[in-house]
Amino acid sequence: MNEMTKRSDHILLDNMTVGGEMLFKKIANAAIKDSTIIHTINNPYSPVGGLAILFGNLAEQGAVVKSAGITGDKKFRGTVVCYDSQGDAIVGNLAGEIKAGDVLVIRYEGPKGGPGMQGAT
């Protein structure tokens, strides 16, 4: 958090902690002990954030994607297979409805739609 305050657009300094102290006082002396784990502002792990917000015909109100899961070209043209739950997606996959190269969309999962993406059961 202290490293993040070095950005010109930070918003951390004026926040109060639940203990009633100003956040900037709590983090002022924090130091990075291993820069291979916590990277500096000048040496980020990635030049872009870990999440991206998408909009389009499949997500008119927006969707969140973990950008670390996207490799290669960031544009896609092809078949998208949509399911309303992780369970439905598992059934569809076992039935052969999802082919190599397809994009899989699972709606109604995540922080707003449920308790996140559950593990396979």
PDB file of N, CA and C in Angstrom:
ATOM      1  N   MET A   1       0.831  -1.190   0.000  1.00  0.00           N
ATOM      2  CA  MET A   1       0.000   0.000   0.000  1.00  0.00           C
ATOM      3  C   MET A   1       0.870   1.247   0.000  1.00  0.00           C
ATOM      4  N   ASN A   2       1.964   1.208   0.731  1.00  0.00           N
ATOM      5  CA  ASN A   2       2.846   2.368   0.751  1.00  0.00           C
ATOM      6  C   ASN A   2       3.418   2.624  -0.641  1.00  0.00           C
ATOM      7  N   GLU A   3       3.753   1.585  -1.355  1.00  0.00           N
ATOM      8  CA  GLU A   3       4.272   1.731  -2.719  1.00  0.00           C
ATOM      9  C   GLU A   3       3.223   2.369  -3.621  1.00  0.00           C
ATOM     10  N   MET A   4       1.968   2.024  -3.431  1.00  0.00           N
ATOM     11  CA  MET A   4       0.899   2.578  -4.260  1.00  0.00           C
ATOM     12  C   MET A   4       0.726   4.077  -4.048  1.00  0.00           C
ATOM     13  N   THR A   5       1.097   4.593  -2.892  1.00  0.00           N
ATOM     14  CA  THR A   5       0.953   6.028  -2.642  1.00  0.00           C
ATOM     15  C   THR A   5       1.930   6.844  -3.472  1.00  0.00           C
ATOM     16  N   LYS A   6       2.880   6.201  -4.118  1.00  0.00           N
ATOM     17  CA  LYS A   6       3.848   6.910  -4.968  1.00  0.00           C
ATOM     18  C   LYS A   6       3.258   7.260  -6.332  1.00  0.00           C
ATOM     19  N   ARG A   7       2.103   6.697  -6.656  1.00  0.00           N
ATOM     20  CA  ARG A   7       1.422   7.044  -7.905  1.00  0.00           C
ATOM     21  C   ARG A   7       0.743   8.396  -7.741  1.00  0.00           C
ATOM     22  N   SER A   8       0.667   9.129  -8.826  1.00  0.00           N
ATOM     23  CA  SER A   8       0.053  10.459  -8.757  1.00  0.00           C
ATOM     24  C   SER A   8      -1.461  10.386  -8.567  1.00  0.00           C
ATOM     25  N   ASP A   9      -2.078   9.247  -8.913  1.00  0.00           N
ATOM     26  CA  ASP A   9      -3.537   9.135  -8.810  1.00  0.00           C
ATOM     27  C   ASP A   9      -3.992   8.339  -7.586  1.00  0.00           C
ATOM     28  N   HIS A  10      -3.105   8.178  -6.605  1.00  0.00           N
ATOM     29  CA  HIS A  10      -3.477   7.373  -5.433  1.00  0.00           C
ATOM     30  C   HIS A  10      -4.614   8.024  -4.655  1.00  0.00           C
ATOM     31  N   ILE A  11      -5.327   7.208  -3.920  1.00  0.00           N
ATOM     32  CA  ILE A  11      -6.444   7.712  -3.118  1.00  0.00           C
ATOM     33  C   ILE A  11      -6.344   7.226  -1.673  1.00  0.00           C
ATOM     34  N   LEU A  12      -5.187   6.719  -1.297  1.00  0.00           N
ATOM     35  CA  LEU A  12      -5.065   6.073   0.002  1.00  0.00           C
ATOM     36  C   LEU A  12      -4.832   7.027   1.173  1.00  0.00           C
ATOM     37  N   LEU A  13      -4.183   8.122   0.942  1.00  0.00           N
ATOM     38  CA  LEU A  13      -3.707   8.934   2.060  1.00  0.00           C
ATOM     39  C   LEU A  13      -4.800   9.504   2.936  1.00  0.00           C
ATOM     40  N   ASP A  14      -5.931   9.831   2.376  1.00  0.00           N
ATOM     41  CA  ASP A  14      -6.969  10.516   3.146  1.00  0.00           C
ATOM     42  C   ASP A  14      -7.990   9.566   3.769  1.00  0.00           C
ATOM     43  N   ASN A  15      -7.685   8.294   3.820  1.00  0.00           N
ATOM     44  CA  ASN A  15      -8.648   7.334   4.363  1.00  0.00           C
ATOM     45  C   ASN A  15      -8.318   6.983   5.803  1.00  0.00           C
ATOM     46  N   MET A  16      -9.374   6.779   6.562  1.00  0.00           N
ATOM     47  CA  MET A  16      -9.212   6.396   7.955  1.00  0.00           C
ATOM     48  C   MET A  16      -9.366   4.875   8.078  1.00  0.00           C
ATOM     49  N   THR A  17      -8.579   4.265   8.949  1.00  0.00           N
ATOM     50  CA  THR A  17      -8.687   2.829   9.186  1.00  0.00           C
ATOM     51  C   THR A  17      -9.846   2.560  10.141  1.00  0.00           C
ATOM     52  N   VAL A  18     -10.216   1.299  10.287  1.00  0.00           N
ATOM     53  CA  VAL A  18     -11.294   0.962  11.220  1.00  0.00           C
ATOM     54  C   VAL A  18     -10.893   1.248  12.655  1.00  0.00           C
ATOM     55  N   GLY A  19      -9.585   1.361  12.914  1.00  0.00           N
ATOM     56  CA  GLY A  19      -9.104   1.689  14.255  1.00  0.00           C
ATOM     57  C   GLY A  19      -9.087   3.176  14.541  1.00  0.00           C
ATOM     58  N   GLY A  20      -9.505   3.988  13.561  1.00  0.00           N
ATOM     59  CA  GLY A  20      -9.590   5.422  13.780  1.00  0.00           C
ATOM     60  C   GLY A  20      -8.323   6.190  13.444  1.00  0.00           C
ATOM     61  N   GLU A  21      -7.315   5.513  12.892  1.00  0.00           N
ATOM     62  CA  GLU A  21      -6.076   6.191  12.509  1.00  0.00           C
ATOM     63  C   GLU A  21      -6.096   6.482  11.015  1.00  0.00           C
ATOM     64  N   MET A  22      -5.358   7.510  10.628  1.00  0.00           N
ATOM     65  CA  MET A  22      -5.251   7.809   9.207  1.00  0.00           C
ATOM     66  C   MET A  22      -4.348   6.763   8.561  1.00  0.00           C
ATOM     67  N   LEU A  23      -4.775   6.271   7.411  1.00  0.00           N
ATOM     68  CA  LEU A  23      -4.063   5.198   6.723  1.00  0.00           C
ATOM     69  C   LEU A  23      -2.621   5.579   6.406  1.00  0.00           C
ATOM     70  N   PHE A  24      -2.393   6.819   5.960  1.00  0.00           N
ATOM     71  CA  PHE A  24      -1.036   7.192   5.578  1.00  0.00           C
ATOM     72  C   PHE A  24      -0.066   7.077   6.762  1.00  0.00           C
ATOM     73  N   LYS A  25      -0.547   7.258   7.987  1.00  0.00           N
ATOM     74  CA  LYS A  25       0.320   7.109   9.163  1.00  0.00           C
ATOM     75  C   LYS A  25       0.659   5.638   9.412  1.00  0.00           C
ATOM     76  N   LYS A  26      -0.325   4.763   9.147  1.00  0.00           N
ATOM     77  CA  LYS A  26      -0.104   3.324   9.373  1.00  0.00           C
ATOM     78  C   LYS A  26       0.907   2.724   8.391  1.00  0.00           C
ATOM     79  N   ILE A  27       0.936   3.257   7.160  1.00  0.00           N
ATOM     80  CA  ILE A  27       1.774   2.646   6.121  1.00  0.00           C
ATOM     81  C   ILE A  27       3.044   3.432   5.816  1.00  0.00           C
ATOM     82  N   ALA A  28       3.254   4.566   6.491  1.00  0.00           N
ATOM     83  CA  ALA A  28       4.361   5.471   6.155  1.00  0.00           C
ATOM     84  C   ALA A  28       5.730   4.795   6.213  1.00  0.00           C
ATOM     85  N   ASN A  29       5.939   3.894   7.136  1.00  0.00           N
ATOM     86  CA  ASN A  29       7.260   3.269   7.284  1.00  0.00           C
ATOM     87  C   ASN A  29       7.333   1.856   6.706  1.00  0.00           C
ATOM     88  N   ALA A  30       6.304   1.460   5.990  1.00  0.00           N
ATOM     89  CA  ALA A  30       6.305   0.118   5.399  1.00  0.00           C
ATOM     90  C   ALA A  30       7.360   0.033   4.304  1.00  0.00           C
ATOM     91  N   ALA A  31       8.042  -1.097   4.236  1.00  0.00           N
ATOM     92  CA  ALA A  31       9.087  -1.293   3.232  1.00  0.00           C
ATOM     93  C   ALA A  31       8.891  -2.639   2.546  1.00  0.00           C
ATOM     94  N   ILE A  32       9.296  -2.714   1.311  1.00  0.00           N
ATOM     95  CA  ILE A  32       9.244  -3.973   0.560  1.00  0.00           C
ATOM     96  C   ILE A  32      10.469  -4.798   0.935  1.00  0.00           C
ATOM     97  N   LYS A  33      10.231  -5.999   1.429  1.00  0.00           N
ATOM     98  CA  LYS A  33      11.336  -6.873   1.828  1.00  0.00           C
ATOM     99  C   LYS A  33      11.806  -7.765   0.691  1.00  0.00           C
ATOM    100  N   ASP A  34      10.902  -8.118  -0.229  1.00  0.00           N
ATOM    101  CA  ASP A  34      11.268  -8.978  -1.357  1.00  0.00           C
ATOM    102  C   ASP A  34      10.561  -8.462  -2.604  1.00  0.00           C
ATOM    103  N   SER A  35      11.292  -7.759  -3.461  1.00  0.00           N
ATOM    104  CA  SER A  35      10.681  -7.134  -4.643  1.00  0.00           C
ATOM    105  C   SER A  35      10.349  -8.130  -5.744  1.00  0.00           C
ATOM    106  N   THR A  36      10.634  -9.416  -5.524  1.00  0.00           N
ATOM    107  CA  THR A  36      10.156 -10.424  -6.478  1.00  0.00           C
ATOM    108  C   THR A  36       8.727 -10.836  -6.134  1.00  0.00           C
ATOM    109  N   ILE A  37       8.281 -10.498  -4.940  1.00  0.00           N
ATOM    110  CA  ILE A  37       6.919 -10.814  -4.515  1.00  0.00           C
ATOM    111  C   ILE A  37       6.049  -9.568  -4.575  1.00  0.00           C
ATOM    112  N   ILE A  38       6.483  -8.500  -3.945  1.00  0.00           N
ATOM    113  CA  ILE A  38       5.789  -7.218  -4.020  1.00  0.00           C
ATOM    114  C   ILE A  38       6.645  -6.317  -4.888  1.00  0.00           C
ATOM    115  N   HIS A  39       6.125  -5.978  -6.052  1.00  0.00           N
ATOM    116  CA  HIS A  39       6.883  -5.184  -7.008  1.00  0.00           C
ATOM    117  C   HIS A  39       6.742  -3.697  -6.724  1.00  0.00           C
ATOM    118  N   THR A  40       7.746  -2.947  -7.164  1.00  0.00           N
ATOM    119  CA  THR A  40       7.703  -1.501  -7.011  1.00  0.00           C
ATOM    120  C   THR A  40       6.868  -0.894  -8.128  1.00  0.00           C
ATOM    121  N   ILE A  41       6.499   0.365  -7.959  1.00  0.00           N
ATOM    122  CA  ILE A  41       5.772   1.091  -8.994  1.00  0.00           C
ATOM    123  C   ILE A  41       6.587   1.144 -10.279  1.00  0.00           C
ATOM    124  N   ASN A  42       7.897   1.250 -10.164  1.00  0.00           N
ATOM    125  CA  ASN A  42       8.767   1.355 -11.340  1.00  0.00           C
ATOM    126  C   ASN A  42       9.086   0.007 -11.974  1.00  0.00           C
ATOM    127  N   ASN A  43       8.741  -1.088 -11.318  1.00  0.00           N
ATOM    128  CA  ASN A  43       8.990  -2.429 -11.845  1.00  0.00           C
ATOM    129  C   ASN A  43       7.754  -3.302 -11.598  1.00  0.00           C
ATOM    130  N   PRO A  44       6.623  -2.978 -12.237  1.00  0.00           N
ATOM    131  CA  PRO A  44       5.383  -3.717 -11.958  1.00  0.00           C
ATOM    132  C   PRO A  44       5.434  -5.143 -12.486  1.00  0.00           C
ATOM    133  N   TYR A  45       4.644  -5.991 -11.882  1.00  0.00           N
ATOM    134  CA  TYR A  45       4.503  -7.376 -12.356  1.00  0.00           C
ATOM    135  C   TYR A  45       3.942  -7.393 -13.770  1.00  0.00           C
ATOM    136  N   SER A  46       3.024  -6.503 -14.036  1.00  0.00           N
ATOM    137  CA  SER A  46       2.381  -6.402 -15.339  1.00  0.00           C
ATOM    138  C   SER A  46       2.117  -4.928 -15.631  1.00  0.00           C
ATOM    139  N   PRO A  47       2.235  -4.519 -16.887  1.00  0.00           N
ATOM    140  CA  PRO A  47       1.963  -3.113 -17.204  1.00  0.00           C
ATOM    141  C   PRO A  47       0.481  -2.742 -17.127  1.00  0.00           C
ATOM    142  N   VAL A  48      -0.396  -3.726 -17.076  1.00  0.00           N
ATOM    143  CA  VAL A  48      -1.833  -3.489 -16.947  1.00  0.00           C
ATOM    144  C   VAL A  48      -2.340  -4.221 -15.718  1.00  0.00           C
ATOM    145  N   GLY A  49      -3.513  -3.839 -15.262  1.00  0.00           N
ATOM    146  CA  GLY A  49      -4.089  -4.472 -14.076  1.00  0.00           C
ATOM    147  C   GLY A  49      -4.478  -5.925 -14.309  1.00  0.00           C
ATOM    148  N   GLY A  50      -4.823  -6.620 -13.244  1.00  0.00           N
ATOM    149  CA  GLY A  50      -5.183  -8.024 -13.328  1.00  0.00           C
ATOM    150  C   GLY A  50      -6.604  -8.282 -13.789  1.00  0.00           C
ATOM    151  N   LEU A  51      -7.430  -7.244 -13.803  1.00  0.00           N
ATOM    152  CA  LEU A  51      -8.816  -7.373 -14.230  1.00  0.00           C
ATOM    153  C   LEU A  51      -9.112  -6.363 -15.328  1.00  0.00           C
ATOM    154  N   ALA A  52     -10.031  -6.712 -16.205  1.00  0.00           N
ATOM    155  CA  ALA A  52     -10.488  -5.793 -17.250  1.00  0.00           C
ATOM    156  C   ALA A  52     -12.007  -5.803 -17.263  1.00  0.00           C
ATOM    157  N   ILE A  53     -12.587  -4.669 -17.580  1.00  0.00           N
ATOM    158  CA  ILE A  53     -14.036  -4.547 -17.683  1.00  0.00           C
ATOM    159  C   ILE A  53     -14.389  -4.569 -19.169  1.00  0.00           C
ATOM    160  N   LEU A  54     -15.286  -5.464 -19.539  1.00  0.00           N
ATOM    161  CA  LEU A  54     -15.680  -5.629 -20.929  1.00  0.00           C
ATOM    162  C   LEU A  54     -17.107  -5.145 -21.142  1.00  0.00           C
ATOM    163  N   PHE A  55     -17.361  -4.640 -22.335  1.00  0.00           N
ATOM    164  CA  PHE A  55     -18.708  -4.280 -22.752  1.00  0.00           C
ATOM    165  C   PHE A  55     -18.898  -4.764 -24.178  1.00  0.00           C
ATOM    166  N   GLY A  56     -20.096  -5.111 -24.537  1.00  0.00           N
ATOM    167  CA  GLY A  56     -20.381  -5.554 -25.899  1.00  0.00           C
ATOM    168  C   GLY A  56     -21.704  -6.272 -25.949  1.00  0.00           C
ATOM    169  N   ASN A  57     -21.944  -6.957 -27.067  1.00  0.00           N
ATOM    170  CA  ASN A  57     -23.243  -7.596 -27.237  1.00  0.00           C
ATOM    171  C   ASN A  57     -23.469  -8.743 -26.251  1.00  0.00           C
ATOM    172  N   LEU A  58     -22.424  -9.317 -25.707  1.00  0.00           N
ATOM    173  CA  LEU A  58     -22.583 -10.369 -24.699  1.00  0.00           C
ATOM    174  C   LEU A  58     -22.633  -9.814 -23.281  1.00  0.00           C
ATOM    175  N   ALA A  59     -22.211  -8.576 -23.142  1.00  0.00           N
ATOM    176  CA  ALA A  59     -22.153  -7.974 -21.811  1.00  0.00           C
ATOM    177  C   ALA A  59     -22.548  -6.507 -21.908  1.00  0.00           C
ATOM    178  N   GLU A  60     -23.791  -6.251 -22.233  1.00  0.00           N
ATOM    179  CA  GLU A  60     -24.249  -4.873 -22.426  1.00  0.00           C
ATOM    180  C   GLU A  60     -24.114  -4.038 -21.164  1.00  0.00           C
ATOM    181  N   GLN A  61     -24.235  -4.667 -20.003  1.00  0.00           N
ATOM    182  CA  GLN A  61     -24.088  -3.946 -18.743  1.00  0.00           C
ATOM    183  C   GLN A  61     -22.680  -4.102 -18.176  1.00  0.00           C
ATOM    184  N   GLY A  62     -21.817  -4.778 -18.909  1.00  0.00           N
ATOM    185  CA  GLY A  62     -20.443  -4.955 -18.487  1.00  0.00           C
ATOM    186  C   GLY A  62     -20.179  -6.333 -17.915  1.00  0.00           C
ATOM    187  N   ALA A  63     -18.923  -6.715 -17.945  1.00  0.00           N
ATOM    188  CA  ALA A  63     -18.472  -7.990 -17.390  1.00  0.00           C
ATOM    189  C   ALA A  63     -17.036  -7.818 -16.941  1.00  0.00           C
ATOM    190  N   VAL A  64     -16.600  -8.666 -16.039  1.00  0.00           N
ATOM    191  CA  VAL A  64     -15.237  -8.624 -15.534  1.00  0.00           C
ATOM    192  C   VAL A  64     -14.507  -9.852 -16.039  1.00  0.00           C
ATOM    193  N   VAL A  65     -13.283  -9.662 -16.513  1.00  0.00           N
ATOM    194  CA  VAL A  65     -12.468 -10.780 -16.960  1.00  0.00           C
ATOM    195  C   VAL A  65     -11.106 -10.685 -16.280  1.00  0.00           C
ATOM    196  N   LYS A  66     -10.590 -11.826 -15.887  1.00  0.00           N
ATOM    197  CA  LYS A  66      -9.244 -11.883 -15.326  1.00  0.00           C
ATOM    198  C   LYS A  66      -8.271 -11.869 -16.495  1.00  0.00           C
ATOM    199  N   SER A  67      -7.597 -10.735 -16.719  1.00  0.00           N
ATOM    200  CA  SER A  67      -6.757 -10.573 -17.906  1.00  0.00           C
ATOM    201  C   SER A  67      -5.563 -11.514 -17.910  1.00  0.00           C
ATOM    202  N   ALA A  68      -5.163 -12.020 -16.768  1.00  0.00           N
ATOM    203  CA  ALA A  68      -4.067 -12.986 -16.741  1.00  0.00           C
ATOM    204  C   ALA A  68      -4.454 -14.280 -17.456  1.00  0.00           C
ATOM    205  N   GLY A  69      -5.747 -14.528 -17.578  1.00  0.00           N
ATOM    206  CA  GLY A  69      -6.216 -15.737 -18.257  1.00  0.00           C
ATOM    207  C   GLY A  69      -6.286 -15.594 -19.759  1.00  0.00           C
ATOM    208  N   ILE A  70      -5.940 -14.429 -20.276  1.00  0.00           N
ATOM    209  CA  ILE A  70      -6.005 -14.186 -21.713  1.00  0.00           C
ATOM    210  C   ILE A  70      -4.587 -14.181 -22.261  1.00  0.00           C
ATOM    211  N   THR A  71      -4.315 -15.066 -23.200  1.00  0.00           N
ATOM    212  CA  THR A  71      -2.999 -15.098 -23.823  1.00  0.00           C
ATOM    213  C   THR A  71      -3.146 -14.781 -25.307  1.00  0.00           C
ATOM    214  N   GLY A  72      -2.087 -14.292 -25.900  1.00  0.00           N
ATOM    215  CA  GLY A  72      -2.117 -14.014 -27.336  1.00  0.00           C
ATOM    216  C   GLY A  72      -2.963 -12.814 -27.666  1.00  0.00           C
ATOM    217  N   ASP A  73      -3.607 -12.866 -28.826  1.00  0.00           N
ATOM    218  CA  ASP A  73      -4.411 -11.762 -29.329  1.00  0.00           C
ATOM    219  C   ASP A  73      -5.581 -11.483 -28.399  1.00  0.00           C
ATOM    220  N   LYS A  74      -5.812 -10.230 -28.105  1.00  0.00           N
ATOM    221  CA  LYS A  74      -6.891  -9.844 -27.197  1.00  0.00           C
ATOM    222  C   LYS A  74      -8.233  -9.672 -27.910  1.00  0.00           C
ATOM    223  N   LYS A  75      -8.266  -9.965 -29.205  1.00  0.00           N
ATOM    224  CA  LYS A  75      -9.515  -9.900 -29.959  1.00  0.00           C
ATOM    225  C   LYS A  75      -9.934 -11.320 -30.310  1.00  0.00           C
ATOM    226  N   PHE A  76     -11.245 -11.530 -30.361  1.00  0.00           N
ATOM    227  CA  PHE A  76     -11.748 -12.875 -30.641  1.00  0.00           C
ATOM    228  C   PHE A  76     -12.922 -12.808 -31.591  1.00  0.00           C
ATOM    229  N   ARG A  77     -12.896 -13.659 -32.582  1.00  0.00           N
ATOM    230  CA  ARG A  77     -14.042 -13.879 -33.465  1.00  0.00           C
ATOM    231  C   ARG A  77     -14.214 -15.385 -33.534  1.00  0.00           C
ATOM    232  N   GLY A  78     -15.376 -15.826 -33.158  1.00  0.00           N
ATOM    233  CA  GLY A  78     -15.614 -17.259 -33.174  1.00  0.00           C
ATOM    234  C   GLY A  78     -16.834 -17.606 -32.355  1.00  0.00           C
ATOM    235  N   THR A  79     -16.883 -18.836 -31.938  1.00  0.00           N
ATOM    236  CA  THR A  79     -18.033 -19.355 -31.206  1.00  0.00           C
ATOM    237  C   THR A  79     -17.909 -19.075 -29.716  1.00  0.00           C
ATOM    238  N   VAL A  80     -18.980 -18.544 -29.160  1.00  0.00           N
ATOM    239  CA  VAL A  80     -19.080 -18.325 -27.724  1.00  0.00           C
ATOM    240  C   VAL A  80     -20.183 -19.225 -27.207  1.00  0.00           C
ATOM    241  N   VAL A  81     -19.883 -19.987 -26.181  1.00  0.00           N
ATOM    242  CA  VAL A  81     -20.863 -20.895 -25.587  1.00  0.00           C
ATOM    243  C   VAL A  81     -21.207 -20.345 -24.203  1.00  0.00           C
ATOM    244  N   CYS A  82     -22.488 -20.044 -23.979  1.00  0.00           N
ATOM    245  CA  CYS A  82     -22.934 -19.417 -22.730  1.00  0.00           C
ATOM    246  C   CYS A  82     -23.742 -20.380 -21.876  1.00  0.00           C
ATOM    247  N   TYR A  83     -23.507 -20.309 -20.580  1.00  0.00           N
ATOM    248  CA  TYR A  83     -24.277 -21.080 -19.601  1.00  0.00           C
ATOM    249  C   TYR A  83     -24.658 -20.151 -18.456  1.00  0.00           C
ATOM    250  N   ASP A  84     -25.714 -20.503 -17.764  1.00  0.00           N
ATOM    251  CA  ASP A  84     -26.201 -19.681 -16.661  1.00  0.00           C
ATOM    252  C   ASP A  84     -25.635 -20.084 -15.309  1.00  0.00           C
ATOM    253  N   SER A  85     -24.831 -21.146 -15.256  1.00  0.00           N
ATOM    254  CA  SER A  85     -24.208 -21.556 -14.004  1.00  0.00           C
ATOM    255  C   SER A  85     -23.015 -22.446 -14.313  1.00  0.00           C
ATOM    256  N   GLN A  86     -22.158 -22.579 -13.334  1.00  0.00           N
ATOM    257  CA  GLN A  86     -21.003 -23.462 -13.479  1.00  0.00           C
ATOM    258  C   GLN A  86     -21.463 -24.910 -13.671  1.00  0.00           C
ATOM    259  N   GLY A  87     -22.507 -25.314 -12.956  1.00  0.00           N
ATOM    260  CA  GLY A  87     -23.030 -26.677 -13.090  1.00  0.00           C
ATOM    261  C   GLY A  87     -23.507 -26.963 -14.503  1.00  0.00           C
ATOM    262  N   ASP A  88     -24.219 -25.991 -15.095  1.00  0.00           N
ATOM    263  CA  ASP A  88     -24.677 -26.150 -16.478  1.00  0.00           C
ATOM    264  C   ASP A  88     -23.493 -26.259 -17.439  1.00  0.00           C
ATOM    265  N   ALA A  89     -22.439 -25.492 -17.172  1.00  0.00           N
ATOM    266  CA  ALA A  89     -21.252 -25.536 -18.027  1.00  0.00           C
ATOM    267  C   ALA A  89     -20.572 -26.901 -17.939  1.00  0.00           C
ATOM    268  N   ILE A  90     -20.523 -27.469 -16.773  1.00  0.00           N
ATOM    269  CA  ILE A  90     -19.914 -28.799 -16.604  1.00  0.00           C
ATOM    270  C   ILE A  90     -20.714 -29.836 -17.381  1.00  0.00           C
ATOM    271  N   VAL A  91     -22.031 -29.780 -17.256  1.00  0.00           N
ATOM    272  CA  VAL A  91     -22.900 -30.710 -17.988  1.00  0.00           C
ATOM    273  C   VAL A  91     -22.700 -30.531 -19.492  1.00  0.00           C
ATOM    274  N   GLY A  92     -22.670 -29.274 -19.953  1.00  0.00           N
ATOM    275  CA  GLY A  92     -22.469 -28.997 -21.370  1.00  0.00           C
ATOM    276  C   GLY A  92     -21.125 -29.484 -21.877  1.00  0.00           C
ATOM    277  N   ASN A  93     -20.111 -29.312 -21.067  1.00  0.00           N
ATOM    278  CA  ASN A  93     -18.775 -29.781 -21.457  1.00  0.00           C
ATOM    279  C   ASN A  93     -18.751 -31.304 -21.573  1.00  0.00           C
ATOM    280  N   LEU A  94     -19.337 -31.976 -20.607  1.00  0.00           N
ATOM    281  CA  LEU A  94     -19.373 -33.443 -20.645  1.00  0.00           C
ATOM    282  C   LEU A  94     -20.201 -33.958 -21.824  1.00  0.00           C
ATOM    283  N   ALA A  95     -21.173 -33.138 -22.267  1.00  0.00           N
ATOM    284  CA  ALA A  95     -22.010 -33.521 -23.406  1.00  0.00           C
ATOM    285  C   ALA A  95     -21.353 -33.157 -24.747  1.00  0.00           C
ATOM    286  N   GLY A  96     -20.151 -32.559 -24.693  1.00  0.00           N
ATOM    287  CA  GLY A  96     -19.442 -32.226 -25.922  1.00  0.00           C
ATOM    288  C   GLY A  96     -19.895 -30.934 -26.584  1.00  0.00           C
ATOM    289  N   GLU A  97     -20.593 -30.061 -25.835  1.00  0.00           N
ATOM    290  CA  GLU A  97     -21.090 -28.812 -26.407  1.00  0.00           C
ATOM    291  C   GLU A  97     -19.996 -27.760 -26.568  1.00  0.00           C
ATOM    292  N   ILE A  98     -18.897 -27.897 -25.863  1.00  0.00           N
ATOM    293  CA  ILE A  98     -17.792 -26.939 -25.914  1.00  0.00           C
ATOM    294  C   ILE A  98     -16.657 -27.570 -26.708  1.00  0.00           C
ATOM    295  N   LYS A  99     -16.218 -26.874 -27.735  1.00  0.00           N
ATOM    296  CA  LYS A  99     -15.155 -27.373 -28.616  1.00  0.00           C
ATOM    297  C   LYS A  99     -13.883 -26.567 -28.379  1.00  0.00           C
ATOM    298  N   ALA A 100     -12.746 -27.156 -28.734  1.00  0.00           N
ATOM    299  CA  ALA A 100     -11.466 -26.463 -28.633  1.00  0.00           C
ATOM    300  C   ALA A 100     -11.533 -25.165 -29.430  1.00  0.00           C
ATOM    301  N   GLY A 101     -11.089 -24.059 -28.829  1.00  0.00           N
ATOM    302  CA  GLY A 101     -11.123 -22.763 -29.485  1.00  0.00           C
ATOM    303  C   GLY A 101     -12.350 -21.932 -29.166  1.00  0.00           C
ATOM    304  N   ASP A 102     -13.379 -22.545 -28.575  1.00  0.00           N
ATOM    305  CA  ASP A 102     -14.569 -21.801 -28.164  1.00  0.00           C
ATOM    306  C   ASP A 102     -14.244 -20.926 -26.956  1.00  0.00           C
ATOM    307  N   VAL A 103     -15.013 -19.867 -26.790  1.00  0.00           N
ATOM    308  CA  VAL A 103     -14.944 -19.064 -25.577  1.00  0.00           C
ATOM    309  C   VAL A 103     -16.123 -19.466 -24.709  1.00  0.00           C
ATOM    310  N   LEU A 104     -15.860 -19.722 -23.449  1.00  0.00           N
ATOM    311  CA  LEU A 104     -16.881 -20.153 -22.503  1.00  0.00           C
ATOM    312  C   LEU A 104     -17.281 -18.970 -21.624  1.00  0.00           C
ATOM    313  N   VAL A 105     -18.570 -18.680 -21.559  1.00  0.00           N
ATOM    314  CA  VAL A 105     -19.099 -17.625 -20.703  1.00  0.00           C
ATOM    315  C   VAL A 105     -20.030 -18.281 -19.688  1.00  0.00           C
ATOM    316  N   ILE A 106     -19.747 -18.028 -18.407  1.00  0.00           N
ATOM    317  CA  ILE A 106     -20.617 -18.526 -17.339  1.00  0.00           C
ATOM    318  C   ILE A 106     -21.212 -17.310 -16.653  1.00  0.00           C
ATOM    319  N   ARG A 107     -22.511 -17.106 -16.864  1.00  0.00           N
ATOM    320  CA  ARG A 107     -23.196 -15.953 -16.291  1.00  0.00           C
ATOM    321  C   ARG A 107     -23.618 -16.239 -14.854  1.00  0.00           C
ATOM    322  N   TYR A 108     -23.887 -15.186 -14.150  1.00  0.00           N
ATOM    323  CA  TYR A 108     -24.432 -15.237 -12.789  1.00  0.00           C
ATOM    324  C   TYR A 108     -23.484 -15.864 -11.777  1.00  0.00           C
ATOM    325  N   GLU A 109     -22.205 -15.829 -12.059  1.00  0.00           N
ATOM    326  CA  GLU A 109     -21.197 -16.298 -11.104  1.00  0.00           C
ATOM    327  C   GLU A 109     -20.306 -15.110 -10.773  1.00  0.00           C
ATOM    328  N   GLY A 110     -19.644 -15.165  -9.653  1.00  0.00           N
ATOM    329  CA  GLY A 110     -18.743 -14.091  -9.276  1.00  0.00           C
ATOM    330  C   GLY A 110     -19.237 -13.373  -8.043  1.00  0.00           C
ATOM    331  N   PRO A 111     -18.605 -12.265  -7.698  1.00  0.00           N
ATOM    332  CA  PRO A 111     -18.909 -11.597  -6.441  1.00  0.00           C
ATOM    333  C   PRO A 111     -20.356 -11.140  -6.312  1.00  0.00           C
ATOM    334  N   LYS A 112     -20.995 -10.746  -7.423  1.00  0.00           N
ATOM    335  CA  LYS A 112     -22.378 -10.288  -7.334  1.00  0.00           C
ATOM    336  C   LYS A 112     -23.362 -11.444  -7.529  1.00  0.00           C
ATOM    337  N   GLY A 113     -23.011 -12.382  -8.371  1.00  0.00           N
ATOM    338  CA  GLY A 113     -23.937 -13.443  -8.731  1.00  0.00           C
ATOM    339  C   GLY A 113     -23.952 -14.616  -7.783  1.00  0.00           C
ATOM    340  N   GLY A 114     -23.018 -14.717  -6.925  1.00  0.00           N
ATOM    341  CA  GLY A 114     -22.980 -15.853  -6.020  1.00  0.00           C
ATOM    342  C   GLY A 114     -21.731 -15.785  -5.165  1.00  0.00           C
ATOM    343  N   PRO A 115     -21.362 -16.880  -4.603  1.00  0.00           N
ATOM    344  CA  PRO A 115     -20.169 -16.861  -3.741  1.00  0.00           C
ATOM    345  C   PRO A 115     -18.892 -17.034  -4.554  1.00  0.00           C
ATOM    346  N   GLY A 116     -18.782 -16.397  -5.710  1.00  0.00           N
ATOM    347  CA  GLY A 116     -17.589 -16.534  -6.532  1.00  0.00           C
ATOM    348  C   GLY A 116     -17.677 -17.783  -7.388  1.00  0.00           C
ATOM    349  N   MET A 117     -16.612 -18.064  -8.098  1.00  0.00           N
ATOM    350  CA  MET A 117     -16.557 -19.268  -8.932  1.00  0.00           C
ATOM    351  C   MET A 117     -16.190 -20.427  -8.003  1.00  0.00           C
ATOM    352  N   GLN A 118     -17.135 -21.269  -7.794  1.00  0.00           N
ATOM    353  CA  GLN A 118     -16.889 -22.403  -6.915  1.00  0.00           C
ATOM    354  C   GLN A 118     -15.996 -23.422  -7.595  1.00  0.00           C
ATOM    355  N   GLY A 119     -15.319 -24.214  -6.808  1.00  0.00           N
ATOM    356  CA  GLY A 119     -14.533 -25.315  -7.366  1.00  0.00           C
ATOM    357  C   GLY A 119     -15.444 -26.419  -7.861  1.00  0.00           C
ATOM    358  N   ALA A 120     -14.902 -27.272  -8.734  1.00  0.00           N
ATOM    359  CA  ALA A 120     -15.698 -28.387  -9.247  1.00  0.00           C
ATOM    360  C   ALA A 120     -16.085 -29.307  -8.108  1.00  0.00           C
ATOM    361  N   THR A 121     -17.305 -29.779  -8.152  1.00  0.00           N
ATOM    362  CA  THR A 121     -17.763 -30.694  -7.093  1.00  0.00           C
ATOM    363  C   THR A 121     -18.003 -32.055  -7.635  1.00  0.00           C
TER     364      THR A 121
END
